[in-house]
Amino acid sequence: MNPMLSLEGRVVIVTGASRGIGAAVCRDAAALGAAIVGVARSADALADVLAGCPTPTRMVVGDVTDPDVPDRAVAAARELGTLWGLVNNAGVGAPGYRPVTQTPTSEWESVMVVNLFAAVGFARSAGAALVAGGGGGRIVNVSSIAAISGLPNIAPYNATKAAMDAMSRTMAVELGPAGICCNSVNPGTIATELVDDLLAANPPLRDKFVTKTALGRVGVTDEAAWPIVFLLTDAAAFITGQTLVIDGGRMASA
């Protein structure tokens, strides 16, 4: 293996690790040698994912909105070795599918708590640990093309993802002197349960998304996961404060 792509001897925390892109990141990062701390609410599903990793793992079962969970994840990482990376992947879609003028404040709050505030909590705990460790590291926030386009009827989701992109840029500036690279990855339409729920709520969206994508199809989880894993490696050591769009050419086709 090219040493620039190796994650041997490094520990990576992945939130939302029991399914979708998070599960794929666990498997793909482990394939490059990373030890994995998986965070999710479902113990059984998380155990299944981590059982497929060829490296040491730890489970942290809990809701990412619980303020104790980020510190538990950092503690679990220390059991495995030296924390190197955080992948802030956990998220939810908009609970309703409606325009801004019909979206109650409660729906904004429910999405903000998971998609933004929980990500902030993990970035704070893991970022502090990485700075204290003195060896650099990586933080990747999993955002969405919703952050950079006006997808209708899911304004709370769009807003949280735009906020994550802004947070990534700010963290890149703040943590850069410690050798910590911080980036956002913005997937387009990837075949995950979250996307399937959205498309089920509005079936015409699937045809619309496929039509607007240059490659003419929906992406699969590994196609989003491997770019995230790349950003964890030494090959990405001079990439920080960036937003990497993985959408099969959808934004180019807009």
Protein backbone atom coordinates (compact mmCIF):
# COMPACT_ATOMS: atom_id res chain seq x y z
CA MET A 1 0.00 0.00 0.00
CA ASN A 2 1.17 3.52 -0.75
CA PRO A 3 2.18 4.91 2.67
CA MET A 4 0.46 8.20 1.87
CA LEU A 5 -2.84 6.32 1.82
CA SER A 6 -2.25 4.18 4.89
CA LEU A 7 -4.17 4.75 8.12
CA GLU A 8 -2.19 2.14 10.07
CA GLY A 9 -1.78 3.05 13.73
CA ARG A 10 -4.49 5.70 13.59
CA VAL A 11 -7.88 5.84 15.27
CA VAL A 12 -10.93 7.36 13.59
CA ILE A 13 -14.29 8.19 15.18
CA VAL A 14 -17.29 7.85 12.86
CA THR A 15 -20.75 9.05 13.88
CA GLY A 16 -23.88 7.63 12.29
CA ALA A 17 -21.80 4.50 11.80
CA SER A 18 -24.52 1.87 11.74
CA ARG A 19 -25.76 2.43 8.19
CA GLY A 20 -25.33 4.28 4.91
CA ILE A 21 -22.28 6.42 4.31
CA GLY A 22 -21.12 6.08 7.92
CA ALA A 23 -21.03 2.29 7.74
CA ALA A 24 -19.13 2.46 4.45
CA VAL A 25 -16.59 4.88 5.95
CA CYS A 26 -15.98 2.44 8.81
CA ARG A 27 -15.29 -0.43 6.43
CA ASP A 28 -13.20 1.59 3.97
CA ALA A 29 -11.08 3.34 6.61
CA ALA A 30 -10.48 -0.01 8.31
CA ALA A 31 -9.39 -1.43 4.96
CA LEU A 32 -6.57 1.14 5.02
CA GLY A 33 -5.61 0.11 8.56
CA ALA A 34 -7.54 2.51 10.79
CA ALA A 35 -8.92 1.40 14.12
CA ILE A 36 -12.55 2.48 14.30
CA VAL A 37 -14.77 3.96 17.01
CA GLY A 38 -18.31 3.67 15.70
CA VAL A 39 -21.06 5.82 17.20
CA ALA A 40 -24.74 5.05 16.65
CA ARG A 41 -28.02 4.47 18.47
CA SER A 42 -28.59 0.90 17.29
CA ALA A 43 -26.26 -1.52 19.09
CA ASP A 44 -27.13 -4.49 16.88
CA ALA A 45 -26.68 -2.65 13.58
CA LEU A 46 -23.45 -1.04 14.79
CA ALA A 47 -22.09 -4.37 15.96
CA ASP A 48 -22.74 -5.85 12.52
CA VAL A 49 -20.85 -3.02 10.81
CA LEU A 50 -17.86 -3.18 13.13
CA ALA A 51 -17.72 -6.97 12.88
CA GLY A 52 -16.88 -6.45 9.21
CA CYS A 53 -13.87 -4.27 9.99
CA PRO A 54 -10.48 -6.03 9.90
CA THR A 55 -8.98 -3.74 12.56
CA PRO A 56 -9.64 -3.13 16.28
CA THR A 57 -12.94 -1.36 16.98
CA ARG A 58 -14.99 0.09 19.79
CA MET A 59 -18.74 0.69 19.99
CA VAL A 60 -20.26 3.80 21.49
CA VAL A 61 -24.00 3.29 21.63
CA GLY A 62 -25.94 6.47 22.19
CA ASP A 63 -27.68 9.45 20.68
CA VAL A 64 -25.27 12.01 19.23
CA THR A 65 -27.39 14.75 20.82
CA ASP A 66 -26.45 13.43 24.27
CA PRO A 67 -23.68 15.77 25.47
CA ASP A 68 -21.80 12.87 27.11
CA VAL A 69 -21.49 10.83 23.91
CA PRO A 70 -18.65 12.83 22.26
CA ASP A 71 -16.46 12.45 25.35
CA ARG A 72 -17.30 8.76 25.52
CA ALA A 73 -16.19 8.40 21.91
CA VAL A 74 -12.89 10.17 22.58
CA ALA A 75 -12.31 7.95 25.61
CA ALA A 76 -12.99 4.86 23.49
CA ALA A 77 -10.51 6.12 20.91
CA ARG A 78 -7.83 6.36 23.60
CA GLU A 79 -8.41 2.68 24.41
CA LEU A 80 -7.39 1.86 20.84
CA GLY A 81 -4.42 4.21 20.51
CA THR A 82 -3.94 7.76 19.25
CA LEU A 83 -6.96 9.63 17.95
CA TRP A 84 -6.36 10.83 14.40
CA GLY A 85 -9.70 11.58 12.80
CA LEU A 86 -13.35 12.42 13.24
CA VAL A 87 -16.02 11.88 10.60
CA ASN A 88 -19.11 13.87 11.60
CA ASN A 89 -21.64 11.87 9.61
CA ALA A 90 -24.75 11.49 11.79
CA GLY A 91 -27.73 13.41 10.53
CA VAL A 92 -31.47 13.52 9.92
CA GLY A 93 -33.61 14.88 7.13
CA ALA A 94 -36.30 17.52 7.47
CA PRO A 95 -39.22 15.97 9.41
CA GLY A 96 -41.74 17.62 7.10
CA TYR A 97 -41.64 18.25 3.39
CA ARG A 98 -43.01 21.77 3.16
CA PRO A 99 -42.02 25.32 2.18
CA VAL A 100 -40.42 27.73 4.64
CA THR A 101 -43.67 29.62 5.07
CA GLN A 102 -45.30 26.46 6.41
CA THR A 103 -42.42 25.05 8.46
CA PRO A 104 -42.89 25.48 12.23
CA THR A 105 -40.01 26.44 14.49
CA SER A 106 -40.18 23.03 16.15
CA GLU A 107 -39.12 21.33 12.90
CA TRP A 108 -36.17 23.69 12.54
CA GLU A 109 -35.09 22.93 16.09
CA SER A 110 -35.31 19.15 15.71
CA VAL A 111 -33.02 19.19 12.67
CA MET A 112 -30.59 21.75 14.12
CA VAL A 113 -30.07 19.70 17.27
CA VAL A 114 -28.94 16.60 15.37
CA ASN A 115 -27.29 17.94 12.23
CA LEU A 116 -25.50 20.95 13.69
CA PHE A 117 -25.36 21.03 17.47
CA ALA A 118 -24.37 17.36 17.77
CA ALA A 119 -21.68 17.83 15.12
CA VAL A 120 -20.40 20.85 17.06
CA GLY A 121 -20.19 18.74 20.22
CA PHE A 122 -18.11 16.07 18.49
CA ALA A 123 -15.90 18.65 16.78
CA ARG A 124 -15.28 20.33 20.13
CA SER A 125 -14.37 17.12 21.99
CA ALA A 126 -12.35 15.51 19.20
CA GLY A 127 -10.73 18.78 18.17
CA ALA A 128 -9.54 19.45 21.72
CA ALA A 129 -8.16 15.90 21.95
CA LEU A 130 -6.33 16.25 18.64
CA VAL A 131 -4.77 19.56 19.70
CA ALA A 132 -3.71 18.07 23.03
CA GLY A 133 -2.23 15.07 21.25
CA GLY A 134 0.09 17.31 19.27
CA GLY A 135 0.27 15.01 16.25
CA GLY A 136 -2.17 16.70 13.88
CA GLY A 137 -5.26 15.01 12.57
CA ARG A 138 -8.34 15.25 10.41
CA ILE A 139 -11.97 16.32 10.83
CA VAL A 140 -14.41 15.66 8.00
CA ASN A 141 -17.93 17.03 8.26
CA VAL A 142 -20.41 15.22 6.04
CA SER A 143 -22.57 17.95 4.54
CA SER A 144 -24.69 17.86 1.37
CA ILE A 145 -25.22 19.60 -1.94
CA ALA A 146 -28.28 20.96 -0.11
CA ALA A 147 -25.83 23.40 1.48
CA ILE A 148 -25.03 25.02 -1.86
CA SER A 149 -28.31 24.73 -3.76
CA GLY A 150 -31.86 25.83 -3.04
CA LEU A 151 -33.52 22.43 -2.75
CA PRO A 152 -37.18 23.26 -2.06
CA ASN A 153 -39.26 22.22 0.93
CA ILE A 154 -36.37 21.10 3.16
CA ALA A 155 -35.05 24.48 4.33
CA PRO A 156 -34.09 23.31 7.86
CA TYR A 157 -31.93 20.54 6.40
CA ASN A 158 -30.36 22.89 3.84
CA ALA A 159 -29.54 25.44 6.51
CA THR A 160 -27.85 22.95 8.83
CA LYS A 161 -25.65 21.66 6.04
CA ALA A 162 -24.64 25.19 5.01
CA ALA A 163 -23.75 25.83 8.64
CA MET A 164 -21.56 22.71 8.68
CA ASP A 165 -19.65 23.99 5.65
CA ALA A 166 -19.06 27.31 7.42
CA MET A 167 -17.95 25.46 10.55
CA SER A 168 -15.45 23.42 8.52
CA ARG A 169 -13.85 26.56 7.11
CA THR A 170 -13.64 28.21 10.52
CA MET A 171 -12.16 25.10 12.13
CA ALA A 172 -9.62 24.83 9.32
CA VAL A 173 -8.33 28.30 10.21
CA GLU A 174 -8.44 27.74 13.95
CA LEU A 175 -6.92 24.24 14.01
CA GLY A 176 -4.52 24.57 11.09
CA PRO A 177 -1.61 25.68 13.30
CA ALA A 178 -1.95 22.35 15.14
CA GLY A 179 -1.68 20.42 11.87
CA ILE A 180 -5.35 19.49 11.84
CA CYS A 181 -7.12 19.57 8.47
CA CYS A 182 -10.86 20.24 8.46
CA ASN A 183 -13.05 19.80 5.39
CA SER A 184 -16.63 19.22 4.32
CA VAL A 185 -17.77 16.50 1.93
CA ASN A 186 -21.02 17.31 0.18
CA PRO A 187 -22.69 14.25 -1.37
CA GLY A 188 -25.45 14.51 -3.92
CA THR A 189 -28.09 11.83 -4.18
CA ILE A 190 -26.59 8.71 -2.61
CA ALA A 191 -28.64 5.55 -2.04
CA THR A 192 -28.94 5.71 1.76
CA GLU A 193 -31.94 5.24 4.03
CA LEU A 194 -32.12 9.00 4.61
CA VAL A 195 -32.33 9.68 0.88
CA ASP A 196 -34.77 6.82 0.37
CA ASP A 197 -37.08 8.41 2.98
CA LEU A 198 -36.91 11.74 1.15
CA LEU A 199 -37.66 10.16 -2.21
CA ALA A 200 -40.50 8.12 -0.72
CA ALA A 201 -42.09 11.37 0.45
CA ASN A 202 -41.88 12.78 -3.06
CA PRO A 203 -41.38 10.02 -5.71
CA PRO A 204 -40.98 12.39 -8.69
CA LEU A 205 -37.76 13.60 -7.08
CA ARG A 206 -35.91 10.40 -8.03
CA ASP A 207 -36.48 10.92 -11.76
CA LYS A 208 -35.68 14.60 -11.36
CA PHE A 209 -32.41 13.87 -9.54
CA VAL A 210 -31.31 11.26 -12.07
CA THR A 211 -32.18 13.53 -14.99
CA LYS A 212 -30.17 16.40 -13.52
CA THR A 213 -27.09 14.25 -12.79
CA ALA A 214 -24.45 14.19 -15.52
CA LEU A 215 -23.74 10.49 -14.90
CA GLY A 216 -27.45 9.68 -15.09
CA ARG A 217 -27.76 7.70 -11.89
CA VAL A 218 -27.91 7.80 -8.10
CA GLY A 219 -24.61 7.24 -6.29
CA VAL A 220 -23.77 4.33 -3.99
CA THR A 221 -22.40 4.65 -0.48
CA ASP A 222 -18.79 3.70 -1.25
CA GLU A 223 -18.65 6.47 -3.86
CA ALA A 224 -19.25 8.95 -1.05
CA ALA A 225 -17.22 7.10 1.58
CA TRP A 226 -13.91 6.75 -0.25
CA PRO A 227 -13.44 10.51 -0.79
CA ILE A 228 -14.07 10.97 2.93
CA VAL A 229 -11.48 8.33 3.74
CA PHE A 230 -9.03 9.98 1.31
CA LEU A 231 -9.31 13.20 3.31
CA LEU A 232 -8.25 11.25 6.41
CA THR A 233 -4.96 10.18 4.81
CA ASP A 234 -1.57 11.86 4.42
CA ALA A 235 -2.29 12.21 0.71
CA ALA A 236 -4.70 15.01 1.74
CA ALA A 237 -2.26 16.73 4.09
CA PHE A 238 -2.46 20.09 2.26
CA ILE A 239 -6.23 20.12 1.79
CA THR A 240 -8.15 22.06 4.42
CA GLY A 241 -11.09 24.44 4.59
CA GLN A 242 -12.57 22.95 1.43
CA THR A 243 -15.97 21.71 0.32
CA LEU A 244 -15.70 18.55 -1.79
CA VAL A 245 -18.83 17.94 -3.85
CA ILE A 246 -19.56 14.30 -4.75
CA ASP A 247 -22.68 14.42 -6.87
CA GLY A 248 -22.09 12.68 -10.21
CA GLY A 249 -22.05 16.06 -11.92
CA ARG A 250 -25.43 17.18 -10.69
CA MET A 251 -24.39 20.72 -9.74
CA ALA A 252 -22.50 21.04 -13.03
CA SER A 253 -25.72 20.15 -14.82
CA ALA A 254 -27.85 22.69 -13.01
